[in-house]
Amino acid sequence: FESEVQITGEGTFVESGSIAYGSAGKVTFKTVGRGVLGPSGIKDLQRGAVIWEVTGGEGQFAGATGLITSNFTVGAGGEVVDNHFAQLFLPS
């Protein structure tokens, strides 16, 4: 996973990057709208979410389109737990 994040306001951001799926290949993405980041209600833990549009792919993901949702937490030490749900469409 590689990405570049730009803060766009208090608690909002945009992001672009790529996700590698081992030897199968990788997809590239960019944010749809804005991602959000804020307090979770648990001390020293932030929560966030973002939707990414798949902009391309390599390997088995060549020509891929679709959306990926990311729901994540960030701890006080910068540790991230990131859960993705992907719906990818591949050319036939």
N, C-alpha and C. Protein backbone atom coordinates (compact mmCIF):
# COMPACT_ATOMS: atom_id res chain seq x y z
N PHE A 1 0.86 -1.17 0.00
CA PHE A 1 0.00 0.00 0.00
C PHE A 1 0.89 1.22 0.00
N GLU A 2 0.70 2.09 -0.98
CA GLU A 2 1.42 3.37 -1.04
C GLU A 2 0.41 4.45 -1.33
N SER A 3 0.51 5.58 -0.61
CA SER A 3 -0.43 6.66 -0.88
C SER A 3 0.15 8.01 -0.51
N GLU A 4 -0.48 9.03 -1.08
CA GLU A 4 -0.16 10.41 -0.76
C GLU A 4 -1.44 11.05 -0.25
N VAL A 5 -1.38 11.62 0.95
CA VAL A 5 -2.55 12.22 1.59
C VAL A 5 -2.37 13.72 1.64
N GLN A 6 -3.44 14.45 1.28
CA GLN A 6 -3.45 15.91 1.39
C GLN A 6 -4.59 16.30 2.31
N ILE A 7 -4.29 17.02 3.39
CA ILE A 7 -5.32 17.52 4.29
C ILE A 7 -6.03 18.67 3.59
N THR A 8 -7.37 18.61 3.55
CA THR A 8 -8.14 19.64 2.83
C THR A 8 -8.93 20.55 3.77
N GLY A 9 -8.92 20.24 5.03
CA GLY A 9 -9.64 21.03 6.03
C GLY A 9 -9.60 20.29 7.34
N GLU A 10 -10.25 20.85 8.35
CA GLU A 10 -10.27 20.18 9.65
C GLU A 10 -11.07 18.89 9.56
N GLY A 11 -10.37 17.77 9.70
CA GLY A 11 -11.02 16.47 9.68
C GLY A 11 -11.32 15.91 8.30
N THR A 12 -10.78 16.53 7.23
CA THR A 12 -11.02 16.02 5.88
C THR A 12 -9.71 15.91 5.10
N PHE A 13 -9.70 15.00 4.12
CA PHE A 13 -8.51 14.79 3.32
C PHE A 13 -8.88 14.17 1.97
N VAL A 14 -7.93 14.21 1.04
CA VAL A 14 -8.00 13.46 -0.21
C VAL A 14 -6.73 12.63 -0.30
N GLU A 15 -6.79 11.56 -1.08
CA GLU A 15 -5.68 10.61 -1.13
C GLU A 15 -5.62 9.97 -2.51
N SER A 16 -4.42 9.62 -2.93
CA SER A 16 -4.24 8.84 -4.15
C SER A 16 -3.07 7.89 -3.91
N GLY A 17 -3.08 6.77 -4.65
CA GLY A 17 -2.00 5.83 -4.45
C GLY A 17 -2.25 4.51 -5.13
N SER A 18 -1.68 3.44 -4.56
CA SER A 18 -1.83 2.11 -5.15
C SER A 18 -1.85 1.05 -4.04
N ILE A 19 -2.49 -0.07 -4.38
CA ILE A 19 -2.55 -1.21 -3.47
C ILE A 19 -2.06 -2.42 -4.26
N ALA A 20 -1.03 -3.10 -3.76
CA ALA A 20 -0.51 -4.31 -4.39
C ALA A 20 -1.18 -5.52 -3.75
N TYR A 21 -1.58 -6.46 -4.60
CA TYR A 21 -2.19 -7.71 -4.15
C TYR A 21 -1.24 -8.87 -4.48
N GLY A 22 -0.08 -8.84 -3.86
CA GLY A 22 0.92 -9.89 -4.07
C GLY A 22 1.32 -10.01 -5.53
N SER A 23 1.50 -11.23 -5.99
CA SER A 23 1.93 -11.47 -7.36
C SER A 23 0.80 -11.27 -8.37
N ALA A 24 -0.45 -11.08 -7.90
CA ALA A 24 -1.59 -10.90 -8.80
C ALA A 24 -1.56 -9.55 -9.51
N GLY A 25 -0.94 -8.54 -8.90
CA GLY A 25 -0.88 -7.21 -9.51
C GLY A 25 -1.27 -6.14 -8.52
N LYS A 26 -1.60 -4.97 -9.05
CA LYS A 26 -1.98 -3.86 -8.18
C LYS A 26 -3.01 -2.99 -8.85
N VAL A 27 -3.69 -2.16 -8.04
CA VAL A 27 -4.62 -1.17 -8.54
C VAL A 27 -4.16 0.20 -8.08
N THR A 28 -4.51 1.23 -8.86
CA THR A 28 -4.28 2.61 -8.47
C THR A 28 -5.63 3.23 -8.14
N PHE A 29 -5.62 4.28 -7.30
CA PHE A 29 -6.88 4.87 -6.85
C PHE A 29 -6.74 6.35 -6.55
N LYS A 30 -7.92 7.01 -6.45
CA LYS A 30 -8.00 8.39 -5.98
C LYS A 30 -9.29 8.53 -5.18
N THR A 31 -9.34 9.51 -4.28
CA THR A 31 -10.48 9.71 -3.41
C THR A 31 -11.69 10.21 -4.19
N VAL A 32 -12.86 9.67 -3.84
CA VAL A 32 -14.14 10.19 -4.30
C VAL A 32 -14.60 11.17 -3.23
N GLY A 33 -14.76 12.43 -3.56
CA GLY A 33 -15.16 13.43 -2.56
C GLY A 33 -14.04 13.70 -1.58
N ARG A 34 -14.33 13.53 -0.30
CA ARG A 34 -13.35 13.76 0.77
C ARG A 34 -13.41 12.62 1.78
N GLY A 35 -12.26 12.26 2.33
CA GLY A 35 -12.21 11.34 3.45
C GLY A 35 -12.40 12.11 4.74
N VAL A 36 -12.77 11.40 5.80
CA VAL A 36 -12.97 12.05 7.10
C VAL A 36 -12.11 11.38 8.16
N LEU A 37 -11.68 12.16 9.14
CA LEU A 37 -10.87 11.67 10.24
C LEU A 37 -11.24 12.48 11.47
N GLY A 38 -11.49 11.79 12.59
CA GLY A 38 -11.86 12.50 13.81
C GLY A 38 -11.81 11.60 15.02
N PRO A 39 -12.25 12.13 16.15
CA PRO A 39 -12.21 11.38 17.41
C PRO A 39 -13.10 10.13 17.34
N SER A 40 -12.66 9.09 18.02
CA SER A 40 -13.42 7.84 18.03
C SER A 40 -14.28 7.69 19.29
N GLY A 41 -14.00 8.48 20.29
CA GLY A 41 -14.65 8.28 21.58
C GLY A 41 -13.81 7.45 22.53
N ILE A 42 -12.71 6.89 22.01
CA ILE A 42 -11.76 6.14 22.82
C ILE A 42 -10.49 6.98 22.92
N LYS A 43 -9.99 7.15 24.12
CA LYS A 43 -8.80 7.98 24.34
C LYS A 43 -7.65 7.56 23.42
N ASP A 44 -7.02 8.55 22.78
CA ASP A 44 -5.84 8.36 21.93
C ASP A 44 -6.11 7.52 20.68
N LEU A 45 -7.36 7.44 20.23
CA LEU A 45 -7.68 6.69 19.01
C LEU A 45 -8.58 7.53 18.13
N GLN A 46 -8.14 7.75 16.89
CA GLN A 46 -8.97 8.44 15.90
C GLN A 46 -9.57 7.42 14.96
N ARG A 47 -10.72 7.77 14.36
CA ARG A 47 -11.35 6.89 13.39
C ARG A 47 -11.57 7.68 12.10
N GLY A 48 -11.61 6.95 10.98
CA GLY A 48 -11.81 7.63 9.71
C GLY A 48 -12.37 6.69 8.66
N ALA A 49 -12.75 7.30 7.53
CA ALA A 49 -13.27 6.54 6.40
C ALA A 49 -13.05 7.33 5.13
N VAL A 50 -12.92 6.58 4.02
CA VAL A 50 -12.74 7.21 2.72
C VAL A 50 -13.22 6.23 1.65
N ILE A 51 -13.69 6.77 0.53
CA ILE A 51 -14.04 5.95 -0.63
C ILE A 51 -13.05 6.29 -1.74
N TRP A 52 -12.47 5.25 -2.34
CA TRP A 52 -11.53 5.44 -3.44
C TRP A 52 -12.13 4.92 -4.74
N GLU A 53 -11.90 5.64 -5.82
CA GLU A 53 -12.23 5.18 -7.16
C GLU A 53 -10.99 4.52 -7.75
N VAL A 54 -11.14 3.31 -8.26
CA VAL A 54 -10.03 2.61 -8.91
C VAL A 54 -9.80 3.26 -10.27
N THR A 55 -8.57 3.71 -10.52
CA THR A 55 -8.25 4.42 -11.76
C THR A 55 -7.45 3.59 -12.75
N GLY A 56 -7.03 2.40 -12.35
CA GLY A 56 -6.27 1.54 -13.25
C GLY A 56 -5.70 0.36 -12.51
N GLY A 57 -5.01 -0.48 -13.24
CA GLY A 57 -4.43 -1.64 -12.61
C GLY A 57 -3.34 -2.27 -13.45
N GLU A 58 -2.62 -3.19 -12.82
CA GLU A 58 -1.55 -3.94 -13.49
C GLU A 58 -1.71 -5.42 -13.20
N GLY A 59 -1.10 -6.25 -14.01
CA GLY A 59 -1.19 -7.69 -13.81
C GLY A 59 -2.61 -8.16 -14.04
N GLN A 60 -3.13 -9.00 -13.16
CA GLN A 60 -4.50 -9.50 -13.30
C GLN A 60 -5.53 -8.39 -13.15
N PHE A 61 -5.12 -7.21 -12.68
CA PHE A 61 -6.02 -6.09 -12.48
C PHE A 61 -5.93 -5.05 -13.60
N ALA A 62 -5.27 -5.38 -14.71
CA ALA A 62 -5.17 -4.47 -15.85
C ALA A 62 -6.57 -4.10 -16.32
N GLY A 63 -6.83 -2.81 -16.47
CA GLY A 63 -8.13 -2.33 -16.92
C GLY A 63 -9.19 -2.30 -15.84
N ALA A 64 -8.82 -2.55 -14.60
CA ALA A 64 -9.79 -2.59 -13.50
C ALA A 64 -10.45 -1.24 -13.28
N THR A 65 -11.72 -1.28 -12.90
CA THR A 65 -12.47 -0.12 -12.43
C THR A 65 -13.20 -0.57 -11.17
N GLY A 66 -13.78 0.37 -10.45
CA GLY A 66 -14.55 0.02 -9.27
C GLY A 66 -14.31 0.97 -8.13
N LEU A 67 -14.78 0.56 -6.94
CA LEU A 67 -14.67 1.37 -5.74
C LEU A 67 -14.11 0.53 -4.59
N ILE A 68 -13.37 1.20 -3.72
CA ILE A 68 -12.86 0.59 -2.50
C ILE A 68 -13.24 1.50 -1.34
N THR A 69 -13.82 0.94 -0.29
CA THR A 69 -14.07 1.71 0.92
C THR A 69 -13.01 1.34 1.95
N SER A 70 -12.54 2.33 2.66
CA SER A 70 -11.54 2.14 3.70
C SER A 70 -12.08 2.71 5.00
N ASN A 71 -12.19 1.87 6.01
CA ASN A 71 -12.56 2.28 7.36
C ASN A 71 -11.35 1.99 8.24
N PHE A 72 -10.87 2.99 8.97
CA PHE A 72 -9.60 2.82 9.65
C PHE A 72 -9.58 3.52 11.00
N THR A 73 -8.60 3.12 11.82
CA THR A 73 -8.30 3.80 13.07
C THR A 73 -6.82 4.16 13.08
N VAL A 74 -6.49 5.23 13.81
CA VAL A 74 -5.10 5.67 13.97
C VAL A 74 -4.85 5.87 15.46
N GLY A 75 -3.87 5.14 16.01
CA GLY A 75 -3.52 5.25 17.42
C GLY A 75 -2.59 6.42 17.69
N ALA A 76 -2.38 6.72 18.95
CA ALA A 76 -1.54 7.84 19.37
C ALA A 76 -0.12 7.73 18.85
N GLY A 77 0.39 6.51 18.67
CA GLY A 77 1.74 6.30 18.16
C GLY A 77 1.81 6.19 16.65
N GLY A 78 0.69 6.48 15.96
CA GLY A 78 0.67 6.42 14.50
C GLY A 78 0.30 5.06 13.93
N GLU A 79 0.01 4.07 14.80
CA GLU A 79 -0.35 2.75 14.29
C GLU A 79 -1.74 2.81 13.64
N VAL A 80 -1.84 2.18 12.48
CA VAL A 80 -3.07 2.22 11.68
C VAL A 80 -3.63 0.81 11.54
N VAL A 81 -4.94 0.68 11.72
CA VAL A 81 -5.67 -0.54 11.38
C VAL A 81 -6.64 -0.13 10.29
N ASP A 82 -6.50 -0.71 9.10
CA ASP A 82 -7.25 -0.28 7.92
C ASP A 82 -7.99 -1.47 7.33
N ASN A 83 -9.30 -1.38 7.23
CA ASN A 83 -10.13 -2.44 6.67
C ASN A 83 -10.71 -1.96 5.34
N HIS A 84 -10.52 -2.76 4.30
CA HIS A 84 -10.99 -2.40 2.95
C HIS A 84 -12.10 -3.33 2.50
N PHE A 85 -13.05 -2.77 1.77
CA PHE A 85 -14.04 -3.55 1.03
C PHE A 85 -13.93 -3.08 -0.41
N ALA A 86 -13.60 -3.98 -1.32
CA ALA A 86 -13.39 -3.62 -2.73
C ALA A 86 -14.44 -4.27 -3.62
N GLN A 87 -14.94 -3.49 -4.55
CA GLN A 87 -15.80 -4.01 -5.61
C GLN A 87 -15.12 -3.63 -6.92
N LEU A 88 -14.45 -4.63 -7.53
CA LEU A 88 -13.68 -4.38 -8.74
C LEU A 88 -14.36 -5.00 -9.94
N PHE A 89 -14.26 -4.32 -11.06
CA PHE A 89 -14.78 -4.82 -12.33
C PHE A 89 -13.61 -4.96 -13.29
N LEU A 90 -13.47 -6.15 -13.87
CA LEU A 90 -12.37 -6.42 -14.78
C LEU A 90 -12.90 -6.64 -16.18
N PRO A 91 -12.17 -6.16 -17.20
CA PRO A 91 -12.64 -6.37 -18.57
C PRO A 91 -12.64 -7.87 -18.90
N SER A 92 -13.59 -8.27 -19.74
CA SER A 92 -13.65 -9.70 -20.09
C SER A 92 -12.82 -10.02 -21.32
